[in-house]
């Protein structure tokens, strides 16, 4: 913060220096706590930052905190912050602000004209990227379904993904823009058409896991850090299927409480949209979850295989796209794990989830077939 009447001056009378010492101690504690944002240690040491990350839509409600969290990852050497030129906050301003953090990452802003193809504007932004996260797009508002968002957001995602295919085809592209269930199939098929690996296109479903973990912690009184509920299926409504029976702590919850817990996990986004009274959606929790996902991808790239549920091209069910546990390694997705054992309630839910998910996958495939 700059000097102002709101910032007291510090003399040498004994009190204020103690306050300064406390602030320095707090700063050091925050640095030590930074890896906790991802629930795991960073992918590399402070002295070996090696990855370039891009946040498309980085000046928005999800983008700004997501960019900050990725800039705090000690394995990241550079962060590109891209957004449209008419964004409320210029990307260069976000970059300047975050560039002052005491982490090794260099943060660079890129403003683009939405009337000009992304492939003509994003060469410097994307070249050399290992990970691209895309929260860009129209947020969901009260009364809007994810289908309502599709036509707007699919075109936005397509422009960015085409640029990724051109300038960083080996990068993992994390799709956050909704509706994920439809946009991921469309973008993965686009990669197939270009002769690229469709598993580079990954739907970020980590927020569903984060919510399930937190809600279980609230019921059981346990720490969320000790809970890891797999969430399979998709990333909207009934397609979100937390598998509570596969986590040792959530498996202790009585069966009569599971349907309500399941429903709350499905409706977590709506809960936030309604609480914000039309003035926003789940931005902060999504940024946290996007960083959790990103940190796991980078940890895998750094040489430590790391698991996370994610929505990808898949053969673990009869559907061509599905979210289940995947292992991230040096090149991105290395293994897609099967669903695993389910109880009778979960078997019923799986059928319900798959029936709805098929419809949403088909929407994405129809979109890209017409392009």
Protein backbone atom coordinates (compact mmCIF):
# COMPACT_ATOMS: atom_id res chain seq x y z
CA UNK A 1 0.00 0.00 0.00
CA UNK A 2 1.17 3.54 -0.62
CA UNK A 3 1.52 6.25 2.00
CA UNK A 4 -1.72 7.77 3.25
CA UNK A 5 -3.44 8.87 6.41
CA UNK A 6 -4.79 5.34 6.66
CA UNK A 7 -1.27 3.92 7.01
CA UNK A 8 0.29 4.85 10.37
CA UNK A 9 3.93 5.84 10.51
CA UNK A 10 6.22 3.70 12.62
CA UNK A 11 8.46 5.34 15.20
CA UNK A 12 11.08 3.79 17.48
CA UNK A 13 9.15 3.94 20.74
CA UNK A 14 8.94 0.19 21.21
CA UNK A 15 5.34 -0.45 20.14
CA UNK A 16 5.30 0.03 16.36
CA UNK A 17 8.52 -1.91 15.75
CA UNK A 18 6.86 -4.84 17.48
CA UNK A 19 3.96 -4.43 15.08
CA UNK A 20 6.36 -4.40 12.14
CA UNK A 21 8.04 -7.53 13.45
CA UNK A 22 4.64 -9.18 13.70
CA UNK A 23 3.84 -8.21 10.13
CA UNK A 24 7.13 -9.65 8.90
CA UNK A 25 6.40 -12.85 10.82
CA UNK A 26 2.93 -13.01 9.27
CA UNK A 27 4.43 -12.54 5.81
CA UNK A 28 6.86 -15.40 6.38
CA UNK A 29 4.04 -17.60 7.65
CA UNK A 30 1.99 -16.81 4.55
CA UNK A 31 4.88 -17.84 2.32
CA UNK A 32 5.22 -21.12 4.17
CA UNK A 33 1.45 -21.67 3.91
CA UNK A 34 1.26 -20.95 0.17
CA UNK A 35 1.58 -24.62 -0.86
CA UNK A 36 -1.54 -25.37 1.17
CA UNK A 37 -3.60 -23.65 -1.51
CA UNK A 38 -3.08 -26.81 -3.57
CA UNK A 39 -3.25 -29.20 -0.58
CA UNK A 40 0.16 -30.44 -1.67
CA UNK A 41 3.73 -29.16 -1.81
CA UNK A 42 4.62 -27.08 -4.88
CA UNK A 43 5.98 -28.88 -7.90
CA UNK A 44 9.55 -27.63 -7.47
CA UNK A 45 11.76 -25.63 -5.16
CA UNK A 46 11.90 -21.83 -5.18
CA UNK A 47 15.21 -21.88 -7.09
CA UNK A 48 14.03 -24.15 -9.92
CA UNK A 49 10.98 -22.39 -11.36
CA UNK A 50 10.55 -23.88 -14.83
CA UNK A 51 6.98 -23.61 -16.12
CA UNK A 52 5.05 -20.99 -18.07
CA UNK A 53 1.33 -20.73 -17.36
CA UNK A 54 -1.32 -18.68 -19.16
CA UNK A 55 -4.65 -17.57 -17.72
CA UNK A 56 -7.09 -16.64 -20.49
CA UNK A 57 -9.68 -14.35 -18.94
CA UNK A 58 -7.10 -13.45 -16.31
CA UNK A 59 -8.53 -10.03 -15.47
CA UNK A 60 -11.96 -11.37 -14.49
CA UNK A 61 -13.59 -12.52 -11.29
CA UNK A 62 -12.06 -15.99 -11.46
CA UNK A 63 -9.04 -14.93 -13.46
CA UNK A 64 -7.47 -12.46 -11.05
CA UNK A 65 -7.34 -14.70 -7.96
CA UNK A 66 -6.45 -17.70 -10.13
CA UNK A 67 -3.57 -15.77 -11.66
CA UNK A 68 -2.37 -14.79 -8.20
CA UNK A 69 -2.44 -18.36 -6.95
CA UNK A 70 -0.57 -19.66 -9.99
CA UNK A 71 1.99 -16.86 -9.67
CA UNK A 72 2.54 -18.08 -6.10
CA UNK A 73 3.42 -21.58 -7.28
CA UNK A 74 7.16 -21.78 -6.85
CA UNK A 75 7.59 -23.96 -9.94
CA UNK A 76 6.17 -21.23 -12.20
CA UNK A 77 8.67 -18.94 -13.91
CA UNK A 78 6.21 -16.90 -16.00
CA UNK A 79 2.47 -16.19 -16.01
CA UNK A 80 0.65 -14.70 -18.99
CA UNK A 81 -2.50 -12.76 -18.06
CA UNK A 82 -4.74 -12.44 -21.12
CA UNK A 83 -8.08 -10.73 -21.38
CA UNK A 84 -10.04 -8.55 -23.78
CA UNK A 85 -9.08 -4.92 -24.25
CA UNK A 86 -12.38 -3.70 -22.77
CA UNK A 87 -11.98 -5.68 -19.52
CA UNK A 88 -12.85 -3.65 -16.43
CA UNK A 89 -9.28 -4.09 -15.21
CA UNK A 90 -6.53 -4.03 -17.87
CA UNK A 91 -4.48 -7.24 -17.97
CA UNK A 92 -1.34 -5.13 -17.75
CA UNK A 93 -2.63 -3.76 -14.44
CA UNK A 94 -3.20 -7.24 -13.04
CA UNK A 95 0.31 -8.19 -14.18
CA UNK A 96 1.87 -5.11 -12.58
CA UNK A 97 0.09 -5.78 -9.30
CA UNK A 98 1.03 -9.46 -9.13
CA UNK A 99 4.53 -8.76 -10.39
CA UNK A 100 5.35 -7.34 -6.96
CA UNK A 101 4.77 -10.64 -5.14
CA UNK A 102 7.90 -12.21 -3.67
CA UNK A 103 7.77 -15.29 -5.86
CA UNK A 104 9.98 -16.15 -8.83
CA UNK A 105 7.28 -15.76 -11.48
CA UNK A 106 7.34 -12.99 -14.05
CA UNK A 107 3.79 -11.81 -14.79
CA UNK A 108 2.97 -10.29 -18.20
CA UNK A 109 -0.36 -8.86 -19.36
CA UNK A 110 -1.85 -9.24 -22.85
CA UNK A 111 -4.94 -7.32 -24.00
CA UNK A 112 -6.68 -8.63 -27.11
CA UNK A 113 -9.36 -7.35 -29.47
CA UNK A 114 -12.28 -9.81 -29.57
CA UNK A 115 -12.98 -8.76 -33.17
CA UNK A 116 -9.59 -10.11 -34.28
CA UNK A 117 -8.90 -13.88 -34.31
CA UNK A 118 -6.98 -15.08 -31.25
CA UNK A 119 -4.53 -16.87 -33.54
CA UNK A 120 -3.42 -13.44 -34.78
CA UNK A 121 -2.84 -12.01 -31.31
CA UNK A 122 -1.64 -14.64 -28.83
CA UNK A 123 1.72 -15.81 -30.17
CA UNK A 124 3.83 -14.12 -27.47
CA UNK A 125 1.24 -14.91 -24.81
CA UNK A 126 1.09 -18.65 -25.49
CA UNK A 127 4.45 -19.62 -26.94
CA UNK A 128 6.32 -21.80 -24.46
CA UNK A 129 3.30 -22.42 -22.24
CA UNK A 130 3.13 -25.70 -20.34
CA UNK A 131 -0.33 -25.07 -18.91
CA UNK A 132 -3.21 -22.90 -20.14
CA UNK A 133 -6.22 -22.30 -17.89
CA UNK A 134 -9.35 -20.84 -19.51
CA UNK A 135 -11.89 -19.22 -17.17
CA UNK A 136 -12.76 -16.69 -19.91
CA UNK A 137 -16.41 -16.44 -20.86
CA UNK A 138 -19.82 -15.30 -19.71
CA UNK A 139 -20.58 -16.19 -16.08
CA UNK A 140 -23.80 -17.95 -15.17
CA UNK A 141 -26.52 -15.62 -13.88
CA UNK A 142 -29.71 -16.38 -11.92
CA UNK A 143 -32.17 -18.28 -14.07
CA UNK A 144 -29.57 -19.23 -16.67
CA UNK A 145 -28.92 -22.86 -17.46
CA UNK A 146 -25.57 -24.08 -18.68
CA UNK A 147 -27.21 -24.61 -22.06
CA UNK A 148 -27.98 -20.88 -22.17
CA UNK A 149 -24.28 -20.19 -21.85
CA UNK A 150 -23.14 -22.59 -24.51
CA UNK A 151 -23.37 -20.63 -27.75
CA UNK A 152 -21.55 -17.62 -26.28
CA UNK A 153 -18.86 -19.48 -24.41
CA UNK A 154 -18.17 -22.16 -27.01
CA UNK A 155 -17.09 -19.50 -29.51
CA UNK A 156 -14.85 -17.85 -26.90
CA UNK A 157 -13.24 -21.16 -25.99
CA UNK A 158 -12.79 -22.13 -29.64
CA UNK A 159 -10.78 -19.01 -30.39
CA UNK A 160 -8.41 -19.60 -27.48
CA UNK A 161 -8.06 -23.34 -28.14
CA UNK A 162 -7.25 -22.73 -31.81
CA UNK A 163 -4.48 -20.39 -30.67
CA UNK A 164 -3.21 -23.03 -28.23
CA UNK A 165 -3.13 -25.57 -31.05
CA UNK A 166 -0.97 -23.19 -33.07
CA UNK A 167 1.39 -21.79 -30.44
CA UNK A 168 1.58 -24.35 -27.58
CA UNK A 169 0.19 -27.69 -28.87
CA UNK A 170 1.94 -29.69 -26.13
CA UNK A 171 0.45 -27.66 -23.27
CA UNK A 172 -2.30 -29.01 -21.04
CA UNK A 173 -5.37 -26.85 -21.66
CA UNK A 174 -7.60 -26.68 -18.59
CA UNK A 175 -11.18 -25.79 -19.55
CA UNK A 176 -12.97 -23.86 -16.80
CA UNK A 177 -15.40 -21.95 -19.02
CA UNK A 178 -18.92 -23.37 -18.75
CA UNK A 179 -20.69 -25.51 -19.76
CA UNK A 180 -17.68 -27.80 -19.33
CA UNK A 181 -19.70 -30.93 -20.18
CA UNK A 182 -20.25 -29.65 -23.74
CA UNK A 183 -17.24 -27.41 -24.35
CA UNK A 184 -14.60 -30.04 -23.53
CA UNK A 185 -15.90 -32.54 -26.12
CA UNK A 186 -16.08 -29.77 -28.72
CA UNK A 187 -12.52 -28.60 -28.04
CA UNK A 188 -11.08 -32.13 -27.83
CA UNK A 189 -12.64 -32.97 -31.19
CA UNK A 190 -11.12 -29.76 -32.57
CA UNK A 191 -7.70 -31.02 -31.47
CA UNK A 192 -8.39 -34.37 -33.12
CA UNK A 193 -9.20 -32.60 -36.39
CA UNK A 194 -5.83 -30.87 -36.20
CA UNK A 195 -3.98 -34.13 -35.54
CA UNK A 196 -3.26 -33.23 -31.92
CA UNK A 197 -3.72 -35.21 -28.71
CA UNK A 198 -7.30 -34.74 -27.43
CA UNK A 199 -6.11 -35.57 -23.90
CA UNK A 200 -4.39 -32.19 -23.84
CA UNK A 201 -7.92 -30.77 -23.41
CA UNK A 202 -8.97 -31.30 -19.79
CA UNK A 203 -12.17 -30.21 -18.08
CA UNK A 204 -11.47 -28.74 -14.63
CA UNK A 205 -13.94 -30.34 -12.22
CA UNK A 206 -11.90 -29.82 -9.05
CA UNK A 207 -14.45 -27.45 -7.53
CA UNK A 208 -16.89 -30.36 -7.17
CA UNK A 209 -14.23 -32.28 -5.23
CA UNK A 210 -13.42 -29.26 -3.08
CA UNK A 211 -17.10 -28.78 -2.21
CA UNK A 212 -17.64 -32.46 -1.44
CA UNK A 213 -14.59 -32.49 0.82
CA UNK A 214 -15.71 -29.37 2.68
CA UNK A 215 -19.31 -30.50 3.12
CA UNK A 216 -18.16 -33.87 4.46
CA UNK A 217 -15.83 -32.09 6.88
CA UNK A 218 -18.73 -29.99 8.15
CA UNK A 219 -20.85 -33.07 8.83
CA UNK A 220 -18.11 -35.23 10.36
CA UNK A 221 -16.07 -32.59 12.18
CA UNK A 222 -12.92 -33.80 10.45
CA UNK A 223 -10.34 -31.70 8.62
CA UNK A 224 -10.96 -31.21 4.89
CA UNK A 225 -7.24 -31.92 4.40
CA UNK A 226 -7.90 -35.53 5.43
CA UNK A 227 -10.80 -36.01 3.01
CA UNK A 228 -10.61 -36.76 -0.72
CA UNK A 229 -13.99 -37.62 -2.24
CA UNK A 230 -13.75 -38.73 -5.87
CA UNK A 231 -16.29 -36.91 -8.03
CA UNK A 232 -17.03 -38.61 -11.34
CA UNK A 233 -19.35 -38.02 -14.29
CA UNK A 234 -19.46 -34.40 -15.39
CA UNK A 235 -19.51 -30.85 -14.08
CA UNK A 236 -23.16 -29.76 -13.95
CA UNK A 237 -26.23 -30.71 -11.95
CA UNK A 238 -27.01 -34.42 -11.79
CA UNK A 239 -23.89 -35.25 -13.82
CA UNK A 240 -21.83 -34.32 -10.74
CA UNK A 241 -21.52 -37.60 -8.87
CA UNK A 242 -19.51 -37.63 -5.64
CA UNK A 243 -18.54 -41.17 -4.67
CA UNK A 244 -18.73 -40.84 -0.90
CA UNK A 245 -18.27 -44.57 -0.35
CA UNK A 246 -14.69 -44.40 -1.66
CA UNK A 247 -13.37 -41.98 0.97
CA UNK A 248 -12.76 -43.47 4.43
CA UNK A 249 -14.22 -40.47 6.28
CA UNK A 250 -17.25 -39.78 4.09
CA UNK A 251 -18.00 -43.51 4.08
CA UNK A 252 -18.84 -43.21 7.79
CA UNK A 253 -21.76 -40.88 7.11
CA UNK A 254 -25.11 -42.60 7.56
CA UNK A 255 -26.85 -43.62 4.34
CA UNK A 256 -29.92 -41.49 5.05
CA UNK A 257 -27.79 -38.30 4.89
CA UNK A 258 -26.09 -39.09 1.59
CA UNK A 259 -28.85 -37.96 -0.84
CA UNK A 260 -28.97 -34.47 0.68
CA UNK A 261 -25.17 -34.25 0.74
CA UNK A 262 -25.07 -35.42 -2.86
CA UNK A 263 -27.66 -32.82 -3.87
CA UNK A 264 -25.82 -30.00 -2.11
CA UNK A 265 -22.63 -30.91 -3.94
CA UNK A 266 -24.50 -30.88 -7.25
CA UNK A 267 -26.09 -27.51 -6.50
CA UNK A 268 -23.05 -25.79 -5.00
CA UNK A 269 -22.78 -23.35 -7.90
CA UNK A 270 -26.44 -22.38 -7.67
CA UNK A 271 -26.05 -21.87 -3.92
CA UNK A 272 -23.34 -19.26 -4.57
CA UNK A 273 -25.14 -17.57 -7.48
CA UNK A 274 -28.26 -17.11 -5.35
CA UNK A 275 -26.29 -15.91 -2.32
CA UNK A 276 -24.63 -13.26 -4.50
CA UNK A 277 -28.08 -12.13 -5.65
CA UNK A 278 -27.23 -11.98 -9.31
CA UNK A 279 -24.03 -10.02 -8.77
CA UNK A 280 -21.62 -12.87 -9.38
CA UNK A 281 -21.01 -16.59 -9.41
CA UNK A 282 -18.54 -18.95 -7.73
CA UNK A 283 -15.38 -16.97 -8.54
CA UNK A 284 -13.15 -17.32 -5.48
CA UNK A 285 -13.79 -21.01 -4.83
CA UNK A 286 -13.35 -21.68 -8.56
CA UNK A 287 -10.04 -19.83 -8.56
CA UNK A 288 -8.86 -21.90 -5.60
CA UNK A 289 -9.98 -25.08 -7.32
CA UNK A 290 -8.40 -24.09 -10.63
CA UNK A 291 -5.12 -23.49 -8.84
CA UNK A 292 -5.42 -26.85 -7.09
CA UNK A 293 -5.85 -28.46 -10.52
CA UNK A 294 -3.03 -26.44 -12.05
CA UNK A 295 -0.62 -27.24 -9.26
CA UNK A 296 -1.28 -30.95 -9.65
CA UNK A 297 -0.68 -30.78 -13.39
CA UNK A 298 2.63 -28.98 -12.82
CA UNK A 299 3.66 -31.37 -10.09
CA UNK A 300 3.17 -34.20 -12.55
CA UNK A 301 5.15 -32.35 -15.22
CA UNK A 302 7.96 -31.85 -12.71
CA UNK A 303 8.28 -35.60 -12.32
CA UNK A 304 5.93 -36.56 -9.49
CA UNK A 305 2.85 -38.36 -10.88
CA UNK A 306 -0.21 -36.81 -9.24
CA UNK A 307 -3.89 -37.80 -9.27
CA UNK A 308 -6.97 -35.62 -9.66
CA UNK A 309 -10.45 -36.24 -11.02
CA UNK A 310 -10.89 -34.47 -14.36
CA UNK A 311 -13.21 -34.54 -17.37
CA UNK A 312 -11.47 -35.97 -20.43
CA UNK A 313 -11.85 -38.16 -23.50
CA UNK A 314 -12.34 -41.53 -21.88
CA UNK A 315 -13.14 -45.21 -22.37
CA UNK A 316 -13.93 -46.07 -18.73
CA UNK A 317 -17.68 -45.95 -19.50
CA UNK A 318 -19.79 -46.15 -22.66
CA UNK A 319 -19.58 -42.36 -23.00
CA UNK A 320 -16.73 -40.78 -25.01
CA UNK A 321 -16.11 -38.14 -22.34
CA UNK A 322 -16.24 -38.67 -18.61
CA UNK A 323 -14.71 -37.39 -15.38
CA UNK A 324 -12.82 -39.87 -13.25
CA UNK A 325 -9.48 -39.98 -11.50
CA UNK A 326 -6.57 -39.33 -13.85
CA UNK A 327 -2.82 -39.36 -13.24
CA UNK A 328 -0.87 -36.34 -14.46
CA UNK A 329 2.74 -36.94 -15.45
CA UNK A 330 5.47 -35.23 -17.45
CA UNK A 331 3.36 -34.85 -20.60
CA UNK A 332 -0.03 -34.28 -18.97
CA UNK A 333 -2.66 -37.01 -18.67
CA UNK A 334 -0.79 -40.33 -18.36
CA UNK A 335 -3.49 -42.64 -17.03
CA UNK A 336 -7.27 -42.61 -16.77
CA UNK A 337 -8.49 -44.70 -13.86
CA UNK A 338 -11.71 -46.75 -13.78
CA UNK A 339 -14.68 -45.66 -11.72
CA UNK A 340 -14.07 -48.24 -9.00
CA UNK A 341 -16.51 -49.99 -6.70
CA UNK A 342 -19.90 -48.32 -6.16
CA UNK A 343 -22.67 -49.04 -3.68
CA UNK A 344 -26.27 -49.48 -4.78
CA UNK A 345 -27.15 -45.78 -4.35
CA UNK A 346 -24.14 -44.75 -6.43
CA UNK A 347 -24.93 -47.27 -9.16
CA UNK A 348 -28.35 -45.65 -9.56
CA UNK A 349 -26.80 -42.22 -9.59
CA UNK A 350 -24.27 -43.25 -12.20
CA UNK A 351 -27.03 -44.18 -14.64
CA UNK A 352 -28.79 -40.87 -13.98
CA UNK A 353 -25.55 -38.93 -14.46
CA UNK A 354 -24.65 -40.73 -17.67
CA UNK A 355 -28.09 -40.24 -19.23
CA UNK A 356 -27.86 -36.48 -18.75
CA UNK A 357 -24.18 -36.28 -19.63
CA UNK A 358 -24.76 -37.96 -22.99
CA UNK A 359 -27.12 -35.16 -23.99
CA UNK A 360 -24.58 -32.52 -23.04
CA UNK A 361 -21.72 -34.29 -24.80
CA UNK A 362 -23.83 -34.53 -27.95
CA UNK A 363 -24.38 -30.76 -27.87
CA UNK A 364 -20.63 -30.18 -27.95
CA UNK A 365 -20.07 -32.71 -30.72
CA UNK A 366 -22.85 -31.15 -32.83
CA UNK A 367 -21.30 -27.70 -32.35
CA UNK A 368 -17.84 -28.67 -33.56
CA UNK A 369 -19.18 -30.81 -36.43
CA UNK A 370 -20.69 -27.67 -37.90
CA UNK A 371 -17.42 -25.72 -37.77
